[in-house]
Amino acid sequence: MTTRRGLLLGRRAERKRVLPPGVTLESLAACTGCGRCVEHCPTHIISLLNERPSLDFSGGECTFCGDCARVCPEPVFAAPGSTRLAHVVAIGDGCLAQNYVACQSCRDACPEQAIRFRPRAGGPFLPEVDVDSCSGCGACIGICPVGAIGIAERHEEGVHA
């Protein structure tokens, strides 16, 4: 993910593919790159990366509406109706709250209430991600004013900051 600071300094991070709900690396091989999923995504977070669907949470979140799976003519969406993505969010060191600036934007944006804030002495509360509650929808990613939230594989332990 490119941070705002990196963008201003001209640095661009290599974009990593984030699979839409119900898509696996194996089922992605069936994709023809037709773009129907892109056209029908109501939150406009699906784009084609090397002619295959990928999610970009910088401007929105996945609502798990299933429109992408319904319009796909190929068996790309192996598990239609999924309400979790294969990743969880991870809050990085650039987080304002971790740097003694009060901010709870991510908590307010999270539809699953998976981000909670733990009190600490002498500073603002610290964010913690409940990985069991996190759907990976990305609602917190685009809303973070400093781009401190990214994604991590769901099987990893200790994903929170």
C-alpha atoms as a PDB file:
ATOM      1  CA  MET A   1       0.000   0.000   0.000  1.00  0.00           C
ATOM      2  CA  THR A   2       1.343   3.449  -0.833  1.00  0.00           C
ATOM      3  CA  THR A   3       1.203   5.817   2.103  1.00  0.00           C
ATOM      4  CA  ARG A   4       0.238   9.441   1.665  1.00  0.00           C
ATOM      5  CA  ARG A   5       3.773  10.426   2.614  1.00  0.00           C
ATOM      6  CA  GLY A   6       5.196   7.983   0.051  1.00  0.00           C
ATOM      7  CA  LEU A   7       2.886   9.337  -2.610  1.00  0.00           C
ATOM      8  CA  LEU A   8       4.030  12.892  -1.925  1.00  0.00           C
ATOM      9  CA  LEU A   9       7.656  11.803  -2.038  1.00  0.00           C
ATOM     10  CA  GLY A  10       7.116   9.920  -5.284  1.00  0.00           C
ATOM     11  CA  ARG A  11       7.464   6.414  -3.816  1.00  0.00           C
ATOM     12  CA  ARG A  12       4.975   3.829  -4.948  1.00  0.00           C
ATOM     13  CA  ALA A  13       4.592   0.467  -3.308  1.00  0.00           C
ATOM     14  CA  GLU A  14       4.045  -2.608  -5.419  1.00  0.00           C
ATOM     15  CA  ARG A  15       0.354  -3.410  -5.245  1.00  0.00           C
ATOM     16  CA  LYS A  16      -0.359  -6.830  -3.807  1.00  0.00           C
ATOM     17  CA  ARG A  17      -3.406  -8.746  -4.999  1.00  0.00           C
ATOM     18  CA  VAL A  18      -6.219  -8.892  -2.460  1.00  0.00           C
ATOM     19  CA  LEU A  19      -8.749 -11.503  -3.498  1.00  0.00           C
ATOM     20  CA  PRO A  20     -12.488 -10.711  -3.511  1.00  0.00           C
ATOM     21  CA  PRO A  21     -14.726 -12.718  -1.167  1.00  0.00           C
ATOM     22  CA  GLY A  22     -15.099 -16.329  -2.226  1.00  0.00           C
ATOM     23  CA  VAL A  23     -12.108 -16.248  -4.602  1.00  0.00           C
ATOM     24  CA  THR A  24      -9.118 -18.518  -4.054  1.00  0.00           C
ATOM     25  CA  LEU A  25      -5.800 -18.531  -5.868  1.00  0.00           C
ATOM     26  CA  GLU A  26      -6.875 -21.797  -7.475  1.00  0.00           C
ATOM     27  CA  SER A  27     -10.258 -20.485  -8.659  1.00  0.00           C
ATOM     28  CA  LEU A  28      -8.633 -17.271  -9.909  1.00  0.00           C
ATOM     29  CA  ALA A  29      -7.099 -19.327 -12.730  1.00  0.00           C
ATOM     30  CA  ALA A  30     -10.599 -19.590 -14.285  1.00  0.00           C
ATOM     31  CA  CYS A  31     -10.870 -15.790 -14.622  1.00  0.00           C
ATOM     32  CA  THR A  32     -10.943 -14.505 -18.195  1.00  0.00           C
ATOM     33  CA  GLY A  33     -10.495 -10.855 -17.189  1.00  0.00           C
ATOM     34  CA  CYS A  34     -13.906  -9.807 -18.538  1.00  0.00           C
ATOM     35  CA  GLY A  35     -14.297  -7.122 -15.852  1.00  0.00           C
ATOM     36  CA  ARG A  36     -17.943  -7.781 -15.011  1.00  0.00           C
ATOM     37  CA  CYS A  37     -17.101  -7.947 -11.317  1.00  0.00           C
ATOM     38  CA  VAL A  38     -15.470  -4.510 -11.599  1.00  0.00           C
ATOM     39  CA  GLU A  39     -18.510  -3.003 -13.324  1.00  0.00           C
ATOM     40  CA  HIS A  40     -20.995  -4.396 -10.805  1.00  0.00           C
ATOM     41  CA  CYS A  41     -19.190  -3.691  -7.523  1.00  0.00           C
ATOM     42  CA  PRO A  42     -21.391  -1.107  -5.758  1.00  0.00           C
ATOM     43  CA  THR A  43     -18.507   0.219  -3.637  1.00  0.00           C
ATOM     44  CA  HIS A  44     -16.056   0.314  -6.592  1.00  0.00           C
ATOM     45  CA  ILE A  45     -13.273  -1.505  -4.757  1.00  0.00           C
ATOM     46  CA  ILE A  46     -12.680  -4.197  -7.389  1.00  0.00           C
ATOM     47  CA  SER A  47     -10.195  -3.493 -10.137  1.00  0.00           C
ATOM     48  CA  LEU A  48      -8.244  -5.691 -12.498  1.00  0.00           C
ATOM     49  CA  LEU A  49      -4.623  -6.293 -11.623  1.00  0.00           C
ATOM     50  CA  ASN A  50      -2.866  -8.154 -14.432  1.00  0.00           C
ATOM     51  CA  GLU A  51      -6.317  -8.940 -15.869  1.00  0.00           C
ATOM     52  CA  ARG A  52      -7.551 -10.578 -12.639  1.00  0.00           C
ATOM     53  CA  PRO A  53      -9.801  -9.105  -9.909  1.00  0.00           C
ATOM     54  CA  SER A  54      -8.195  -7.481  -6.891  1.00  0.00           C
ATOM     55  CA  LEU A  55      -9.595  -5.363  -4.081  1.00  0.00           C
ATOM     56  CA  ASP A  56      -8.423  -1.841  -3.271  1.00  0.00           C
ATOM     57  CA  PHE A  57      -9.803  -0.527   0.016  1.00  0.00           C
ATOM     58  CA  SER A  58      -8.467   3.014  -0.350  1.00  0.00           C
ATOM     59  CA  GLY A  59     -11.871   4.310  -1.407  1.00  0.00           C
ATOM     60  CA  GLY A  60     -14.332   1.947   0.217  1.00  0.00           C
ATOM     61  CA  GLU A  61     -15.129  -1.361   1.823  1.00  0.00           C
ATOM     62  CA  CYS A  62     -16.484  -4.750   0.837  1.00  0.00           C
ATOM     63  CA  THR A  63     -20.100  -5.127   1.905  1.00  0.00           C
ATOM     64  CA  PHE A  64     -20.197  -8.821   0.923  1.00  0.00           C
ATOM     65  CA  CYS A  65     -23.208  -8.109  -1.280  1.00  0.00           C
ATOM     66  CA  GLY A  66     -22.289 -10.929  -3.670  1.00  0.00           C
ATOM     67  CA  ASP A  67     -22.857  -8.896  -6.849  1.00  0.00           C
ATOM     68  CA  CYS A  68     -19.387  -9.769  -8.139  1.00  0.00           C
ATOM     69  CA  ALA A  69     -20.036 -13.493  -7.769  1.00  0.00           C
ATOM     70  CA  ARG A  70     -23.503 -13.284  -9.333  1.00  0.00           C
ATOM     71  CA  VAL A  71     -22.294 -11.613 -12.542  1.00  0.00           C
ATOM     72  CA  CYS A  72     -19.152 -13.703 -13.026  1.00  0.00           C
ATOM     73  CA  PRO A  73     -19.627 -16.101 -15.970  1.00  0.00           C
ATOM     74  CA  GLU A  74     -16.763 -18.358 -14.825  1.00  0.00           C
ATOM     75  CA  PRO A  75     -16.270 -20.448 -11.661  1.00  0.00           C
ATOM     76  CA  VAL A  76     -13.975 -17.839 -10.121  1.00  0.00           C
ATOM     77  CA  PHE A  77     -16.022 -17.312  -6.973  1.00  0.00           C
ATOM     78  CA  ALA A  78     -15.543 -20.766  -5.474  1.00  0.00           C
ATOM     79  CA  ALA A  79     -17.303 -19.919  -2.206  1.00  0.00           C
ATOM     80  CA  PRO A  80     -20.150 -17.527  -3.049  1.00  0.00           C
ATOM     81  CA  GLY A  81     -21.837 -15.938  -0.068  1.00  0.00           C
ATOM     82  CA  SER A  82     -18.591 -15.504   1.862  1.00  0.00           C
ATOM     83  CA  THR A  83     -18.765 -12.930   4.633  1.00  0.00           C
ATOM     84  CA  ARG A  84     -15.063 -12.970   5.509  1.00  0.00           C
ATOM     85  CA  LEU A  85     -11.959 -12.342   3.488  1.00  0.00           C
ATOM     86  CA  ALA A  86      -8.745 -14.361   3.751  1.00  0.00           C
ATOM     87  CA  HIS A  87      -7.047 -11.549   5.644  1.00  0.00           C
ATOM     88  CA  VAL A  88      -7.502  -9.370   8.706  1.00  0.00           C
ATOM     89  CA  VAL A  89      -6.473  -5.777   9.225  1.00  0.00           C
ATOM     90  CA  ALA A  90      -3.184  -4.893  10.859  1.00  0.00           C
ATOM     91  CA  ILE A  91      -2.490  -1.556  12.507  1.00  0.00           C
ATOM     92  CA  GLY A  92       1.039  -0.328  11.903  1.00  0.00           C
ATOM     93  CA  ASP A  93       3.482   1.815  13.836  1.00  0.00           C
ATOM     94  CA  GLY A  94       2.358   4.982  12.035  1.00  0.00           C
ATOM     95  CA  CYS A  95      -0.976   4.873  13.879  1.00  0.00           C
ATOM     96  CA  LEU A  96      -1.757   8.263  15.381  1.00  0.00           C
ATOM     97  CA  ALA A  97      -2.918   6.797  18.699  1.00  0.00           C
ATOM     98  CA  GLN A  98       0.347   4.867  19.022  1.00  0.00           C
ATOM     99  CA  ASN A  99       2.131   8.173  18.512  1.00  0.00           C
ATOM    100  CA  TYR A 100       0.186  10.004  21.252  1.00  0.00           C
ATOM    101  CA  VAL A 101      -2.394  11.676  18.998  1.00  0.00           C
ATOM    102  CA  ALA A 102      -6.014  10.930  19.825  1.00  0.00           C
ATOM    103  CA  CYS A 103      -7.727   9.188  16.911  1.00  0.00           C
ATOM    104  CA  GLN A 104     -10.336   6.434  16.744  1.00  0.00           C
ATOM    105  CA  SER A 105     -11.375   6.711  13.091  1.00  0.00           C
ATOM    106  CA  CYS A 106     -10.795   3.019  12.447  1.00  0.00           C
ATOM    107  CA  ARG A 107     -12.997   1.973  15.356  1.00  0.00           C
ATOM    108  CA  ASP A 108     -15.795   4.252  14.217  1.00  0.00           C
ATOM    109  CA  ALA A 109     -15.658   2.871  10.660  1.00  0.00           C
ATOM    110  CA  CYS A 110     -15.574  -0.828  11.572  1.00  0.00           C
ATOM    111  CA  PRO A 111     -18.968  -2.463  10.924  1.00  0.00           C
ATOM    112  CA  GLU A 112     -17.943  -5.563  12.908  1.00  0.00           C
ATOM    113  CA  GLN A 113     -16.691  -3.596  15.933  1.00  0.00           C
ATOM    114  CA  ALA A 114     -13.485  -5.594  15.616  1.00  0.00           C
ATOM    115  CA  ILE A 115     -11.255  -2.654  16.534  1.00  0.00           C
ATOM    116  CA  ARG A 116     -11.306  -1.736  20.184  1.00  0.00           C
ATOM    117  CA  PHE A 117      -9.259   0.771  22.114  1.00  0.00           C
ATOM    118  CA  ARG A 118      -7.402  -0.177  25.288  1.00  0.00           C
ATOM    119  CA  PRO A 119      -6.700   2.543  27.865  1.00  0.00           C
ATOM    120  CA  ARG A 120      -3.121   3.462  28.626  1.00  0.00           C
ATOM    121  CA  ALA A 121      -1.647   5.794  31.209  1.00  0.00           C
ATOM    122  CA  GLY A 122      -0.403   9.114  29.906  1.00  0.00           C
ATOM    123  CA  GLY A 123      -1.778   8.945  26.394  1.00  0.00           C
ATOM    124  CA  PRO A 124      -4.702   8.176  24.125  1.00  0.00           C
ATOM    125  CA  PHE A 125      -6.211   4.707  24.070  1.00  0.00           C
ATOM    126  CA  LEU A 126      -4.432   2.124  21.886  1.00  0.00           C
ATOM    127  CA  PRO A 127      -6.140   0.173  19.092  1.00  0.00           C
ATOM    128  CA  GLU A 128      -6.425  -3.607  19.192  1.00  0.00           C
ATOM    129  CA  VAL A 129      -7.850  -5.806  16.446  1.00  0.00           C
ATOM    130  CA  ASP A 130     -10.041  -8.735  17.450  1.00  0.00           C
ATOM    131  CA  VAL A 131      -9.031 -11.077  14.628  1.00  0.00           C
ATOM    132  CA  ASP A 132     -11.963 -13.396  15.328  1.00  0.00           C
ATOM    133  CA  SER A 133     -14.424 -10.545  14.699  1.00  0.00           C
ATOM    134  CA  CYS A 134     -12.592  -8.921  11.769  1.00  0.00           C
ATOM    135  CA  SER A 135     -14.196  -9.743   8.409  1.00  0.00           C
ATOM    136  CA  GLY A 136     -11.370  -8.084   6.471  1.00  0.00           C
ATOM    137  CA  CYS A 137     -13.873  -5.734   4.778  1.00  0.00           C
ATOM    138  CA  GLY A 138     -11.391  -2.846   4.683  1.00  0.00           C
ATOM    139  CA  ALA A 139     -13.720  -0.152   6.045  1.00  0.00           C
ATOM    140  CA  CYS A 140     -10.974   1.042   8.384  1.00  0.00           C
ATOM    141  CA  ILE A 141      -8.225   1.166   5.758  1.00  0.00           C
ATOM    142  CA  GLY A 142      -9.333   4.075   3.596  1.00  0.00           C
ATOM    143  CA  ILE A 143     -10.568   6.092   6.566  1.00  0.00           C
ATOM    144  CA  CYS A 144      -7.217   6.063   8.410  1.00  0.00           C
ATOM    145  CA  PRO A 145      -5.833   9.609   8.073  1.00  0.00           C
ATOM    146  CA  VAL A 146      -2.219   8.418   7.987  1.00  0.00           C
ATOM    147  CA  GLY A 147      -2.535   5.145   6.066  1.00  0.00           C
ATOM    148  CA  ALA A 148      -1.380   3.104   9.062  1.00  0.00           C
ATOM    149  CA  ILE A 149      -3.730   0.176   8.466  1.00  0.00           C
ATOM    150  CA  GLY A 150      -2.903  -2.672   6.141  1.00  0.00           C
ATOM    151  CA  ILE A 151      -3.775  -6.324   5.846  1.00  0.00           C
ATOM    152  CA  ALA A 152      -2.229  -9.540   7.127  1.00  0.00           C
ATOM    153  CA  GLU A 153      -2.983 -13.187   6.497  1.00  0.00           C
ATOM    154  CA  ARG A 154      -5.786 -14.422   8.734  1.00  0.00           C
ATOM    155  CA  HIS A 155      -3.779 -17.379  10.066  1.00  0.00           C
ATOM    156  CA  GLU A 156      -1.072 -15.143  11.547  1.00  0.00           C
ATOM    157  CA  GLU A 157      -1.153 -14.620  15.275  1.00  0.00           C
ATOM    158  CA  GLY A 158      -0.513 -11.294  16.942  1.00  0.00           C
ATOM    159  CA  VAL A 159      -1.729  -9.239  13.987  1.00  0.00           C
ATOM    160  CA  HIS A 160      -2.604  -6.256  16.149  1.00  0.00           C
ATOM    161  CA  ALA A 161      -0.086  -3.570  17.002  1.00  0.00           C
END
